[in-house]
N, C-alpha and C. Protein backbone atom coordinates (compact mmCIF):
# COMPACT_ATOMS: atom_id res chain seq x y z
N UNK A 1 21.47 -24.41 26.70
CA UNK A 1 21.41 -23.69 25.88
C UNK A 1 20.99 -22.28 26.24
N UNK A 2 20.61 -21.25 25.48
CA UNK A 2 20.77 -20.24 25.43
C UNK A 2 19.47 -19.53 25.99
N UNK A 3 19.59 -18.63 27.61
CA UNK A 3 18.61 -17.73 27.40
C UNK A 3 18.37 -15.96 27.39
N UNK A 4 19.39 -16.01 25.85
CA UNK A 4 19.26 -14.92 25.21
C UNK A 4 17.81 -14.72 24.97
N UNK A 5 17.61 -13.58 24.98
CA UNK A 5 16.58 -12.21 24.44
C UNK A 5 16.77 -11.81 23.22
N UNK A 6 15.90 -11.05 22.89
CA UNK A 6 15.61 -9.85 21.49
C UNK A 6 14.16 -9.06 21.70
N UNK A 7 14.86 -7.93 22.47
CA UNK A 7 13.90 -6.55 22.96
C UNK A 7 14.40 -5.53 22.59
N UNK A 8 12.99 -4.78 22.07
CA UNK A 8 13.33 -3.52 21.44
C UNK A 8 12.52 -2.32 22.35
N UNK A 9 13.17 -1.20 21.84
CA UNK A 9 12.66 -0.36 22.53
C UNK A 9 11.27 0.19 22.14
N UNK A 10 11.36 -0.15 20.46
CA UNK A 10 9.94 0.34 19.78
C UNK A 10 8.84 -0.72 19.71
N UNK A 11 8.07 -0.46 19.60
CA UNK A 11 6.86 -1.90 19.34
C UNK A 11 6.97 -1.76 18.18
N UNK A 12 6.64 -2.84 17.88
CA UNK A 12 6.21 -4.18 16.06
C UNK A 12 5.31 -3.23 15.31
N UNK A 13 4.87 -3.35 14.16
CA UNK A 13 4.23 -2.76 13.23
C UNK A 13 3.07 -1.99 13.41
N UNK A 14 2.85 -3.62 13.41
CA UNK A 14 1.60 -4.02 13.28
C UNK A 14 1.14 -3.94 15.35
N UNK A 15 1.53 -3.36 16.20
CA UNK A 15 0.97 -2.97 16.92
C UNK A 15 0.63 -1.32 16.97
N UNK A 16 1.40 -1.08 16.00
CA UNK A 16 1.52 0.77 15.67
C UNK A 16 1.09 1.14 14.59
N UNK A 17 -0.01 1.56 13.97
CA UNK A 17 0.01 1.22 12.65
C UNK A 17 0.32 2.35 12.25
N UNK A 18 -0.12 2.79 10.54
CA UNK A 18 0.40 3.94 10.20
C UNK A 18 -0.72 4.87 10.65
N UNK A 19 -0.41 6.68 10.58
CA UNK A 19 -0.81 7.73 10.96
C UNK A 19 -1.95 7.47 9.47
N UNK A 20 -3.32 8.75 9.82
CA UNK A 20 -3.86 8.96 8.60
C UNK A 20 -3.58 9.70 8.08
N UNK A 21 -4.23 9.59 6.46
CA UNK A 21 -3.18 10.41 5.28
C UNK A 21 -4.60 10.66 4.52
N UNK A 22 -5.59 12.05 4.57
CA UNK A 22 -5.92 12.01 3.17
C UNK A 22 -6.14 11.23 2.03
N UNK A 23 -7.15 11.44 0.89
CA UNK A 23 -6.37 11.36 -0.03
C UNK A 23 -6.09 11.87 -1.67
N UNK A 24 -6.20 13.27 -0.73
CA UNK A 24 -5.21 13.83 -1.41
C UNK A 24 -3.76 14.12 -1.04
N UNK A 25 -3.19 13.57 -0.13
CA UNK A 25 -2.01 13.77 0.34
C UNK A 25 -1.60 11.67 0.11
N UNK A 26 -1.97 11.36 0.03
CA UNK A 26 -2.05 9.93 -0.90
C UNK A 26 -1.32 10.23 -2.73
N UNK A 27 -2.46 10.86 -3.26
CA UNK A 27 -2.26 10.77 -5.06
C UNK A 27 -1.21 11.59 -4.44
N UNK A 28 -0.64 12.47 -3.72
CA UNK A 28 0.74 12.94 -4.23
C UNK A 28 1.99 12.54 -3.89
N UNK A 29 1.33 11.10 -2.86
CA UNK A 29 3.33 10.59 -2.82
C UNK A 29 2.88 9.09 -3.79
N UNK A 30 1.59 8.85 -4.05
CA UNK A 30 1.60 7.77 -4.77
C UNK A 30 1.13 7.33 -6.60
N UNK A 31 0.46 8.40 -6.36
CA UNK A 31 -0.19 8.64 -8.18
C UNK A 31 -1.69 8.34 -8.23
N UNK A 32 -2.15 8.63 -9.06
CA UNK A 32 -3.46 8.17 -9.82
C UNK A 32 -3.38 6.62 -8.93
N UNK A 33 -5.33 6.08 -8.74
CA UNK A 33 -5.52 4.62 -8.71
C UNK A 33 -5.12 3.47 -9.94
N UNK A 34 -4.66 3.04 -10.28
CA UNK A 34 -4.41 2.31 -11.38
C UNK A 34 -4.84 0.71 -11.12
N UNK A 35 -6.07 0.17 -12.21
CA UNK A 35 -6.53 -0.96 -12.03
C UNK A 35 -5.56 -2.35 -11.78
N UNK A 36 -5.89 -3.30 -11.23
CA UNK A 36 -4.71 -4.48 -11.47
C UNK A 36 -4.46 -5.53 -12.22
N UNK A 37 -5.61 -5.16 -13.07
CA UNK A 37 -5.51 -5.69 -14.39
C UNK A 37 -5.50 -4.95 -15.75
N UNK A 38 -4.71 -5.07 -16.83
CA UNK A 38 -4.75 -4.37 -18.02
C UNK A 38 -6.05 -4.31 -18.49
N UNK A 39 -6.84 -3.82 -19.11
CA UNK A 39 -7.92 -3.74 -20.07
C UNK A 39 -7.45 -4.45 -21.33
N UNK A 40 -8.20 -5.41 -21.34
CA UNK A 40 -8.21 -5.80 -23.00
C UNK A 40 -8.12 -5.88 -24.22
N UNK A 41 -7.61 -6.35 -25.13
CA UNK A 41 -7.58 -5.48 -26.45
C UNK A 41 -9.20 -4.58 -27.19
N UNK A 42 -10.17 -5.88 -26.95
CA UNK A 42 -11.53 -4.77 -27.33
C UNK A 42 -11.30 -3.44 -26.27
N UNK A 43 -11.94 -3.97 -25.53
CA UNK A 43 -12.33 -2.71 -24.38
C UNK A 43 -10.60 -1.36 -24.25
N UNK A 44 -9.59 -1.58 -24.54
CA UNK A 44 -8.95 -0.83 -25.20
C UNK A 44 -9.33 0.21 -26.79
N UNK A 45 -9.63 -1.18 -27.61
CA UNK A 45 -10.35 -1.00 -28.94
C UNK A 45 -11.28 0.11 -28.65
N UNK A 46 -12.71 -0.26 -27.83
CA UNK A 46 -13.56 0.90 -28.11
C UNK A 46 -13.85 1.65 -27.22
N UNK A 47 -13.01 1.91 -25.95
CA UNK A 47 -13.24 2.71 -24.64
C UNK A 47 -14.16 2.32 -23.72
N UNK A 48 -14.35 0.73 -23.91
CA UNK A 48 -14.97 0.36 -22.14
C UNK A 48 -14.40 0.67 -20.66
N UNK A 49 -15.16 0.78 -20.26
CA UNK A 49 -14.16 0.69 -18.76
C UNK A 49 -14.47 -0.14 -18.29
C-alpha cells in the first residue's frame, strides 16, 4: 500500500466562503434575476406576474 497523501497550501472552498458583494455588484456581474420557470401562455397573454 502507498502512504502518499495530498496536501494543498490553500484551504478548500467550503472552508473559505466567498467575499460579500452587494446587490448592485451582483446585478452588474450577472444581470437581472430571472424566474426559474417561464411564464405560461395565459400569463404572457394577460401580462400576469
